[in-house]
Amino acid sequence: MISAGLILVALLGLPLFVLIAWIALIAFQGAEIDASAIIIELYRMASQPVLVAIPLFTFAGFVMAESGLPRRIIRLSHAALSWLPGGLALMSLVACALFTAFTGASGVTIIALGGLLFPILVKEGYPERFSLGLMTTSGSLGLLFPPSLPLILYGLVAGVSVDDLFRAALLPGLLILLILGAYAVWVAGRAKLPRQPFSGAELWAALREAAWELPIPPLVLVLIYGGFVTPAEAAAVTAVVVLVVEGLIQRELPWRKLLRLGGESMAMVGAVLAILGVALGLTNFLVDAEIPQRLLEWMQAWLGSRWAFLLMLNLFLLVVGCLMDIFSAIIVVVPLIVPVAESFGVNPLHLGVIFLTNLEIGYLTPPVGLNLFLASYRFQRPVLELYRASLVFLLLLLVALSLVTWVPWLSLWGVGGS
């Protein structure tokens, strides 16, 4: 009866974190464990310094989204890339990836940039279905680029170096952009779209307009990869720089609005922490119940090699990615699969890149991929139309996932291992 009740309330739209909390509390009660174990574990995670990066990068992302930065990114990318074959589509991919990397949220990118880029793509002659698919897909492309919040959270949960994870995810993220960019160029060539003439004057004007924001991404990367600061300290630097640039220099956001953005961003962080708390509770029960050990025994009995394990893992994670939000998936699933992956000789950094690539694709996977519904709302199109528009992009992402999975060097070239 309890299981039937859980399924019923899930179908009726109960928020996933509430459902996870319900399952965790029922499980703890059945095992006669005090429910305070959830709060104790949440306190343990909250006391880790790297977690400070999440609210700081979130605040910086909210400020960027509300400022004129999206418009400046689009102008600069257009001036730099629109003269290439498929240049406008390439510009859209790059702009969305950069924006998502710093905001950490697929939905923000679709809402903030999608409404600007979609009509431009259609006006320039790109097929409407292609443009819809491109914007729906682009919303989550930046999740593999530092300082992506899911990368930070995965490193925290899996116990791996966030710096090394940033390096490991960089080349796979570029590979995905390359594959999608090649398809965009092919579509533009097939549609015989005229190229935009290159304008040095426009590029210089766009560079001057975005001069204060352009140094922020390389500054963060140099500080982290150069070993000058930790990810948490880099997040603090980013938040301060963004606040000064958008609030004092660009003067696009009055202080009253910045205070409101601070409240909204921390409300989102609070929601993330609530998800983390209940997910940690469920994870603790699963670990105490020796579920990872049983899962390992089953896989060792039925899967004879690392490659068979990776194939099964990808199928499982694609389902997880389209059913769970990315934060819950990281907290609940990562502690279960890390020991199993280690037993099959999978490098934890390679595992992290595979995991996050799957979740990135999960945003686009029918029937309930989050990007599909966000794009349906933003562009006022039926969700079934978004399914059709995104299908080719989904297949291309699966090709990229296969390469990331079967060629570990793509993830480990800068950090060693195999």
Protein backbone atom coordinates (compact mmCIF):
# COMPACT_ATOMS: atom_id res chain seq x y z
CA MET A 1 0.00 0.00 0.00
CA ILE A 2 2.87 2.37 0.79
CA SER A 3 4.49 1.70 -2.59
CA ALA A 4 1.19 2.24 -4.38
CA GLY A 5 0.71 5.50 -2.48
CA LEU A 6 4.17 6.73 -3.44
CA ILE A 7 3.58 5.95 -7.10
CA LEU A 8 0.20 7.70 -7.01
CA VAL A 9 1.47 10.95 -5.48
CA ALA A 10 4.40 10.94 -7.90
CA LEU A 11 2.00 10.71 -10.84
CA LEU A 12 -0.07 13.52 -9.34
CA GLY A 13 2.96 15.82 -9.48
CA LEU A 14 4.45 15.70 -6.00
CA PRO A 15 7.90 17.37 -6.10
CA LEU A 16 10.66 14.81 -6.43
CA PHE A 17 12.58 15.93 -3.35
CA VAL A 18 9.44 15.51 -1.21
CA LEU A 19 9.01 12.01 -2.59
CA ILE A 20 12.66 11.20 -1.85
CA ALA A 21 12.24 12.53 1.70
CA TRP A 22 9.14 10.42 2.19
CA ILE A 23 10.92 7.26 1.03
CA ALA A 24 13.94 8.05 3.23
CA LEU A 25 11.83 8.61 6.35
CA ILE A 26 9.84 5.41 5.76
CA ALA A 27 13.08 3.48 5.25
CA PHE A 28 14.66 4.89 8.41
CA GLN A 29 11.57 4.12 10.42
CA GLY A 30 11.53 0.54 9.14
CA ALA A 31 15.19 0.15 10.09
CA GLU A 32 14.57 1.77 13.49
CA ILE A 33 17.09 4.56 12.78
CA ASP A 34 16.47 8.06 14.11
CA ALA A 35 15.52 10.54 11.36
CA SER A 36 18.08 13.01 12.72
CA ALA A 37 20.65 11.03 10.71
CA ILE A 38 19.54 13.07 7.68
CA ILE A 39 20.40 16.38 9.37
CA ILE A 40 23.70 15.04 10.71
CA GLU A 41 24.80 14.00 7.22
CA LEU A 42 23.67 17.30 5.72
CA TYR A 43 25.70 19.16 8.36
CA ARG A 44 28.75 17.05 7.49
CA MET A 45 28.48 17.96 3.82
CA ALA A 46 27.69 21.62 4.53
CA SER A 47 30.87 21.90 6.60
CA GLN A 48 33.06 21.11 3.58
CA PRO A 49 34.68 24.32 2.22
CA VAL A 50 34.08 23.56 -1.47
CA LEU A 51 30.29 23.75 -0.96
CA VAL A 52 30.67 27.51 -0.52
CA ALA A 53 31.29 27.73 -4.28
CA ILE A 54 27.67 26.82 -5.05
CA PRO A 55 25.91 29.91 -3.58
CA LEU A 56 28.65 32.25 -4.84
CA PHE A 57 28.59 30.99 -8.43
CA THR A 58 24.78 30.89 -8.31
CA PHE A 59 24.61 34.55 -7.27
CA ALA A 60 27.08 35.52 -10.02
CA GLY A 61 24.98 33.62 -12.55
CA PHE A 62 21.75 35.36 -11.50
CA VAL A 63 23.42 38.77 -11.81
CA MET A 64 24.78 37.91 -15.27
CA ALA A 65 21.37 36.69 -16.46
CA GLU A 66 19.62 39.90 -15.36
CA SER A 67 22.23 42.26 -16.79
CA GLY A 68 22.86 43.13 -20.41
CA LEU A 69 25.47 40.36 -20.63
CA PRO A 70 23.30 37.95 -22.70
CA ARG A 71 22.88 40.65 -25.37
CA ARG A 72 26.62 41.43 -25.33
CA ILE A 73 27.55 37.74 -25.60
CA ILE A 74 25.28 37.36 -28.60
CA ARG A 75 26.65 40.48 -30.30
CA LEU A 76 30.26 39.44 -29.77
CA SER A 77 29.70 35.84 -30.88
CA HIS A 78 27.82 37.07 -33.94
CA ALA A 79 30.61 39.45 -34.92
CA ALA A 80 33.28 36.77 -34.42
CA LEU A 81 31.57 33.76 -36.00
CA SER A 82 28.73 34.80 -38.30
CA TRP A 83 31.03 35.01 -41.36
CA LEU A 84 31.73 31.26 -41.12
CA PRO A 85 29.48 28.63 -42.76
CA GLY A 86 26.67 28.12 -40.26
CA GLY A 87 28.19 30.96 -38.26
CA LEU A 88 24.96 32.06 -36.59
CA ALA A 89 24.25 28.54 -35.34
CA LEU A 90 27.86 28.19 -34.17
CA MET A 91 27.49 31.49 -32.35
CA SER A 92 24.36 30.19 -30.63
CA LEU A 93 26.13 27.03 -29.45
CA VAL A 94 29.12 28.90 -28.06
CA ALA A 95 27.06 31.64 -26.39
CA CYS A 96 24.71 29.16 -24.70
CA ALA A 97 27.57 26.91 -23.54
CA LEU A 98 29.42 29.83 -21.95
CA PHE A 99 26.28 31.15 -20.32
CA THR A 100 25.25 27.77 -18.89
CA ALA A 101 28.75 27.15 -17.54
CA PHE A 102 28.45 30.20 -15.31
CA THR A 103 24.76 30.14 -14.46
CA GLY A 104 24.80 26.36 -13.87
CA ALA A 105 21.17 26.09 -14.96
CA SER A 106 19.83 24.85 -18.27
CA GLY A 107 16.51 26.62 -17.76
CA VAL A 108 18.11 30.03 -17.30
CA THR A 109 19.91 29.69 -20.63
CA ILE A 110 16.79 28.67 -22.54
CA ILE A 111 14.74 31.48 -21.02
CA ALA A 112 17.42 34.21 -21.18
CA LEU A 113 19.12 33.43 -24.51
CA GLY A 114 16.58 31.26 -26.29
CA GLY A 115 14.09 34.09 -26.69
CA LEU A 116 16.79 36.25 -28.28
CA LEU A 117 18.44 33.66 -30.52
CA PHE A 118 15.50 31.64 -31.85
CA PRO A 119 13.86 34.47 -33.85
CA ILE A 120 17.28 35.53 -35.18
CA LEU A 121 18.00 32.01 -36.45
CA VAL A 122 14.60 31.74 -38.16
CA LYS A 123 14.92 35.23 -39.65
CA GLU A 124 18.32 34.34 -41.12
CA GLY A 125 16.81 31.35 -42.94
CA TYR A 126 17.58 28.41 -40.66
CA PRO A 127 14.80 25.78 -40.68
CA GLU A 128 12.42 26.32 -37.77
CA ARG A 129 12.66 22.69 -36.61
CA PHE A 130 16.46 22.87 -36.61
CA SER A 131 16.37 26.16 -34.68
CA LEU A 132 14.00 24.72 -32.08
CA GLY A 133 16.20 21.65 -31.64
CA LEU A 134 19.36 23.76 -31.44
CA MET A 135 17.96 26.04 -28.72
CA THR A 136 16.53 23.12 -26.75
CA THR A 137 19.85 21.29 -26.86
CA SER A 138 22.05 24.30 -26.19
CA GLY A 139 20.49 24.91 -22.79
CA SER A 140 22.59 22.23 -21.09
CA LEU A 141 25.79 22.27 -23.16
CA GLY A 142 27.83 24.20 -20.61
CA LEU A 143 27.44 21.65 -17.81
CA LEU A 144 30.84 20.13 -18.67
CA PHE A 145 32.68 23.45 -18.64
CA PRO A 146 34.12 24.99 -15.46
CA PRO A 147 32.89 26.44 -13.18
CA SER A 148 29.73 24.36 -13.69
CA LEU A 149 27.92 23.70 -10.39
CA PRO A 150 27.19 20.02 -11.20
CA LEU A 151 30.94 19.45 -11.67
CA ILE A 152 31.63 20.95 -8.26
CA LEU A 153 28.88 18.92 -6.59
CA TYR A 154 29.99 15.68 -8.26
CA GLY A 155 33.55 16.21 -7.04
CA LEU A 156 32.25 16.84 -3.54
CA VAL A 157 30.06 13.72 -3.43
CA ALA A 158 32.49 11.38 -5.21
CA GLY A 159 35.49 12.59 -3.23
CA VAL A 160 37.58 13.55 -6.27
CA SER A 161 39.54 16.73 -6.90
CA VAL A 162 37.31 19.43 -8.38
CA ASP A 163 40.33 20.92 -10.17
CA ASP A 164 41.08 17.57 -11.83
CA LEU A 165 37.41 17.12 -12.71
CA PHE A 166 37.37 20.54 -14.41
CA ARG A 167 40.33 19.41 -16.54
CA ALA A 168 38.81 16.01 -17.28
CA ALA A 169 35.50 17.48 -18.50
CA LEU A 170 36.99 20.19 -20.71
CA LEU A 171 37.89 18.12 -23.80
CA PRO A 172 34.62 16.07 -23.81
CA GLY A 173 32.70 19.35 -23.59
CA LEU A 174 34.60 20.71 -26.59
CA LEU A 175 34.00 17.45 -28.46
CA ILE A 176 30.24 17.82 -28.01
CA LEU A 177 30.40 21.39 -29.32
CA LEU A 178 32.47 20.21 -32.30
CA ILE A 179 29.99 17.47 -33.25
CA LEU A 180 26.95 19.75 -32.95
CA GLY A 181 28.82 22.55 -34.74
CA ALA A 182 29.64 20.26 -37.67
CA TYR A 183 25.96 19.38 -37.99
CA ALA A 184 25.03 23.08 -37.89
CA VAL A 185 27.49 23.82 -40.69
CA TRP A 186 26.00 20.96 -42.75
CA VAL A 187 22.46 22.29 -42.26
CA ALA A 188 23.52 25.79 -43.27
CA GLY A 189 25.25 24.46 -46.37
CA ARG A 190 22.24 22.34 -47.33
CA ALA A 191 19.91 25.34 -46.92
CA LYS A 192 22.40 27.47 -48.94
CA LEU A 193 22.32 30.21 -46.36
CA PRO A 194 24.40 33.27 -47.27
CA ARG A 195 27.35 34.08 -45.06
CA GLN A 196 27.48 37.33 -43.19
CA PRO A 197 30.37 39.55 -44.28
CA PHE A 198 33.07 39.92 -41.65
CA SER A 199 33.26 43.38 -40.11
CA GLY A 200 36.35 44.29 -38.17
CA ALA A 201 34.67 47.46 -36.95
CA GLU A 202 31.69 45.53 -35.54
CA LEU A 203 33.97 42.97 -33.89
CA TRP A 204 35.99 45.75 -32.27
CA ALA A 205 32.83 47.50 -31.10
CA ALA A 206 31.49 44.25 -29.63
CA LEU A 207 34.80 43.59 -27.90
CA ARG A 208 34.80 47.06 -26.37
CA GLU A 209 31.21 46.67 -25.19
CA ALA A 210 31.98 43.35 -23.48
CA ALA A 211 35.50 44.33 -22.37
CA TRP A 212 34.71 44.20 -18.67
CA GLU A 213 33.05 40.76 -18.75
CA LEU A 214 35.38 39.00 -21.20
CA PRO A 215 38.27 38.54 -18.74
CA ILE A 216 36.06 36.81 -16.13
CA PRO A 217 36.08 33.22 -17.56
CA PRO A 218 39.86 33.13 -18.27
CA LEU A 219 40.50 34.76 -14.88
CA VAL A 220 38.61 31.97 -13.10
CA LEU A 221 40.37 29.25 -15.10
CA VAL A 222 43.85 30.74 -14.57
CA LEU A 223 43.24 31.13 -10.83
CA ILE A 224 42.04 27.52 -10.46
CA TYR A 225 44.38 25.72 -12.89
CA GLY A 226 47.34 27.83 -11.84
CA GLY A 227 46.89 26.63 -8.28
CA PHE A 228 46.48 30.17 -6.95
CA VAL A 229 43.07 29.59 -5.35
CA THR A 230 40.64 26.80 -4.50
CA PRO A 231 37.30 26.51 -6.39
CA ALA A 232 35.53 28.12 -3.41
CA GLU A 233 37.92 31.07 -3.45
CA ALA A 234 37.55 31.36 -7.23
CA ALA A 235 33.78 31.52 -6.72
CA ALA A 236 34.23 34.38 -4.25
CA VAL A 237 36.44 36.25 -6.72
CA THR A 238 33.88 35.70 -9.49
CA ALA A 239 30.98 36.95 -7.38
CA VAL A 240 32.86 40.11 -6.37
CA VAL A 241 34.05 40.86 -9.91
CA VAL A 242 30.58 40.32 -11.39
CA LEU A 243 29.03 42.49 -8.70
CA VAL A 244 31.49 45.33 -9.35
CA VAL A 245 31.25 45.09 -13.16
CA GLU A 246 27.46 44.89 -13.45
CA GLY A 247 26.61 47.08 -10.46
CA LEU A 248 29.27 49.81 -10.52
CA ILE A 249 30.83 49.87 -13.99
CA GLN A 250 28.03 48.88 -16.38
CA ARG A 251 25.40 50.38 -14.03
CA GLU A 252 22.68 48.18 -15.51
CA LEU A 253 21.47 46.82 -12.19
CA PRO A 254 20.53 49.18 -9.36
CA TRP A 255 21.53 48.12 -5.87
CA ARG A 256 17.90 47.42 -4.96
CA LYS A 257 17.68 44.92 -7.80
CA LEU A 258 21.00 43.36 -6.81
CA LEU A 259 19.63 42.82 -3.31
CA ARG A 260 16.56 41.15 -4.83
CA LEU A 261 18.77 38.92 -6.99
CA GLY A 262 20.73 37.98 -3.89
CA GLY A 263 17.53 36.85 -2.21
CA GLU A 264 16.31 34.93 -5.28
CA SER A 265 19.63 33.19 -5.84
CA MET A 266 19.89 32.15 -2.18
CA ALA A 267 16.32 30.85 -2.32
CA MET A 268 17.45 28.62 -5.19
CA VAL A 269 20.50 27.53 -3.18
CA GLY A 270 18.20 26.76 -0.25
CA ALA A 271 16.08 24.57 -2.51
CA VAL A 272 19.23 22.77 -3.67
CA LEU A 273 20.29 22.21 -0.07
CA ALA A 274 16.83 20.83 0.74
CA ILE A 275 17.20 18.40 -2.15
CA LEU A 276 20.69 17.48 -0.97
CA GLY A 277 19.47 16.88 2.58
CA VAL A 278 16.69 14.46 1.69
CA ALA A 279 18.77 12.78 -1.01
CA LEU A 280 21.60 12.25 1.47
CA GLY A 281 19.14 10.64 3.84
CA LEU A 282 18.05 8.14 1.20
CA THR A 283 21.65 7.53 0.15
CA ASN A 284 22.70 6.81 3.72
CA PHE A 285 19.97 4.24 4.08
CA LEU A 286 20.96 2.56 0.80
CA VAL A 287 24.60 2.42 1.91
CA ASP A 288 23.67 1.08 5.37
CA ALA A 289 21.50 -1.54 3.69
CA GLU A 290 24.59 -2.59 1.66
CA ILE A 291 22.86 -1.87 -1.65
CA PRO A 292 26.18 -0.94 -3.37
CA GLN A 293 27.71 -4.25 -2.31
CA ARG A 294 24.72 -6.20 -3.58
CA LEU A 295 24.75 -4.23 -6.82
CA LEU A 296 28.46 -4.98 -7.21
CA GLU A 297 27.92 -8.70 -6.63
CA TRP A 298 25.11 -8.78 -9.19
CA MET A 299 27.12 -6.92 -11.83
CA GLN A 300 30.22 -9.05 -11.28
CA ALA A 301 28.08 -12.14 -11.76
CA TRP A 302 26.37 -10.94 -14.95
CA LEU A 303 28.80 -8.49 -16.54
CA GLY A 304 32.08 -9.96 -17.60
CA SER A 305 34.10 -6.86 -18.46
CA ARG A 306 34.53 -3.13 -17.91
CA TRP A 307 33.02 -2.40 -21.33
CA ALA A 308 29.86 -4.35 -20.56
CA PHE A 309 29.59 -2.46 -17.28
CA LEU A 310 29.98 0.89 -19.03
CA LEU A 311 27.29 -0.02 -21.55
CA MET A 312 24.87 -0.97 -18.77
CA LEU A 313 25.84 2.16 -16.83
CA ASN A 314 25.04 4.44 -19.77
CA LEU A 315 21.61 2.89 -20.28
CA PHE A 316 20.86 3.28 -16.57
CA LEU A 317 22.08 6.88 -16.38
CA LEU A 318 20.09 7.97 -19.44
CA VAL A 319 16.94 6.86 -17.63
CA VAL A 320 18.08 8.59 -14.42
CA GLY A 321 18.89 11.78 -16.32
CA CYS A 322 15.42 12.20 -17.77
CA LEU A 323 13.58 11.29 -14.54
CA MET A 324 15.57 13.07 -11.80
CA ASP A 325 16.90 16.58 -11.40
CA ILE A 326 20.66 16.73 -11.69
CA PHE A 327 21.32 17.51 -8.02
CA SER A 328 19.23 14.62 -6.71
CA ALA A 329 20.78 12.28 -9.27
CA ILE A 330 24.31 13.20 -8.17
CA ILE A 331 23.59 12.75 -4.47
CA VAL A 332 21.57 9.53 -4.75
CA VAL A 333 23.26 7.67 -7.59
CA VAL A 334 26.96 8.60 -7.33
CA PRO A 335 27.62 6.85 -3.98
CA LEU A 336 26.03 3.69 -5.42
CA ILE A 337 27.99 3.50 -8.66
CA VAL A 338 31.44 4.76 -7.56
CA PRO A 339 32.47 1.56 -5.70
CA VAL A 340 31.05 -0.60 -8.49
CA ALA A 341 32.94 1.39 -11.14
CA GLU A 342 36.17 1.15 -9.15
CA SER A 343 35.82 -2.64 -9.03
CA PHE A 344 35.69 -2.66 -12.85
CA GLY A 345 38.78 -0.44 -13.10
CA VAL A 346 36.99 2.74 -14.22
CA ASN A 347 38.92 5.88 -13.31
CA PRO A 348 36.75 8.08 -11.01
CA LEU A 349 37.38 11.15 -13.18
CA HIS A 350 36.37 9.26 -16.32
CA LEU A 351 33.29 8.04 -14.45
CA GLY A 352 32.42 11.62 -13.51
CA VAL A 353 32.56 12.81 -17.10
CA ILE A 354 30.43 9.85 -18.26
CA PHE A 355 27.93 10.52 -15.48
CA LEU A 356 27.54 14.23 -16.22
CA THR A 357 27.42 13.70 -19.99
CA ASN A 358 24.53 11.29 -19.47
CA LEU A 359 22.69 13.78 -17.28
CA GLU A 360 23.29 16.48 -19.88
CA ILE A 361 21.67 14.23 -22.47
CA GLY A 362 18.90 13.37 -19.99
CA TYR A 363 17.71 16.98 -20.16
CA LEU A 364 16.85 16.26 -23.79
CA THR A 365 15.52 12.68 -23.49
CA PRO A 366 11.77 12.03 -23.97
CA PRO A 367 9.33 11.72 -22.42
CA VAL A 368 10.17 13.99 -19.48
CA GLY A 369 13.52 15.65 -20.26
CA LEU A 370 13.47 19.06 -18.56
CA ASN A 371 14.74 21.04 -21.57
CA LEU A 372 11.85 19.77 -23.69
CA PHE A 373 9.27 21.26 -21.35
CA LEU A 374 11.19 24.49 -20.76
CA ALA A 375 11.55 25.02 -24.51
CA SER A 376 7.89 24.17 -25.04
CA TYR A 377 6.97 26.90 -22.54
CA ARG A 378 9.49 29.46 -23.85
CA PHE A 379 8.77 29.06 -27.56
CA GLN A 380 5.04 28.29 -27.21
CA ARG A 381 5.27 24.99 -29.08
CA PRO A 382 3.67 21.61 -28.28
CA VAL A 383 6.09 19.34 -26.46
CA LEU A 384 5.64 16.66 -29.15
CA GLU A 385 7.01 19.15 -31.67
CA LEU A 386 10.05 19.59 -29.43
CA TYR A 387 10.51 15.79 -29.37
CA ARG A 388 10.77 15.74 -33.17
CA ALA A 389 12.96 18.85 -33.35
CA SER A 390 15.44 17.48 -30.81
CA LEU A 391 15.73 13.93 -32.12
CA VAL A 392 18.72 14.51 -34.41
CA PHE A 393 20.55 16.44 -31.69
CA LEU A 394 19.83 13.64 -29.22
CA LEU A 395 21.37 11.10 -31.60
CA LEU A 396 24.45 13.30 -32.07
CA LEU A 397 24.86 13.62 -28.31
CA LEU A 398 24.67 9.84 -28.01
CA VAL A 399 27.51 9.58 -30.54
CA ALA A 400 29.53 11.97 -28.39
CA LEU A 401 28.66 9.94 -25.28
CA SER A 402 29.94 6.79 -26.99
CA LEU A 403 33.25 8.46 -27.77
CA VAL A 404 33.59 9.81 -24.23
CA THR A 405 32.80 6.35 -22.82
CA TRP A 406 35.00 4.19 -25.04
CA VAL A 407 37.96 6.59 -25.35
CA PRO A 408 39.04 7.31 -21.75
CA TRP A 409 41.94 9.45 -23.00
CA LEU A 410 39.44 12.23 -23.79
CA SER A 411 38.80 12.60 -20.06
CA LEU A 412 42.21 11.68 -18.69
CA TRP A 413 44.69 13.35 -21.04
CA GLY A 414 45.37 16.21 -18.65
CA VAL A 415 45.25 14.35 -15.35
CA GLY A 416 46.88 10.96 -16.02
CA GLY A 417 45.30 7.55 -15.59
CA SER A 418 43.62 5.20 -18.03
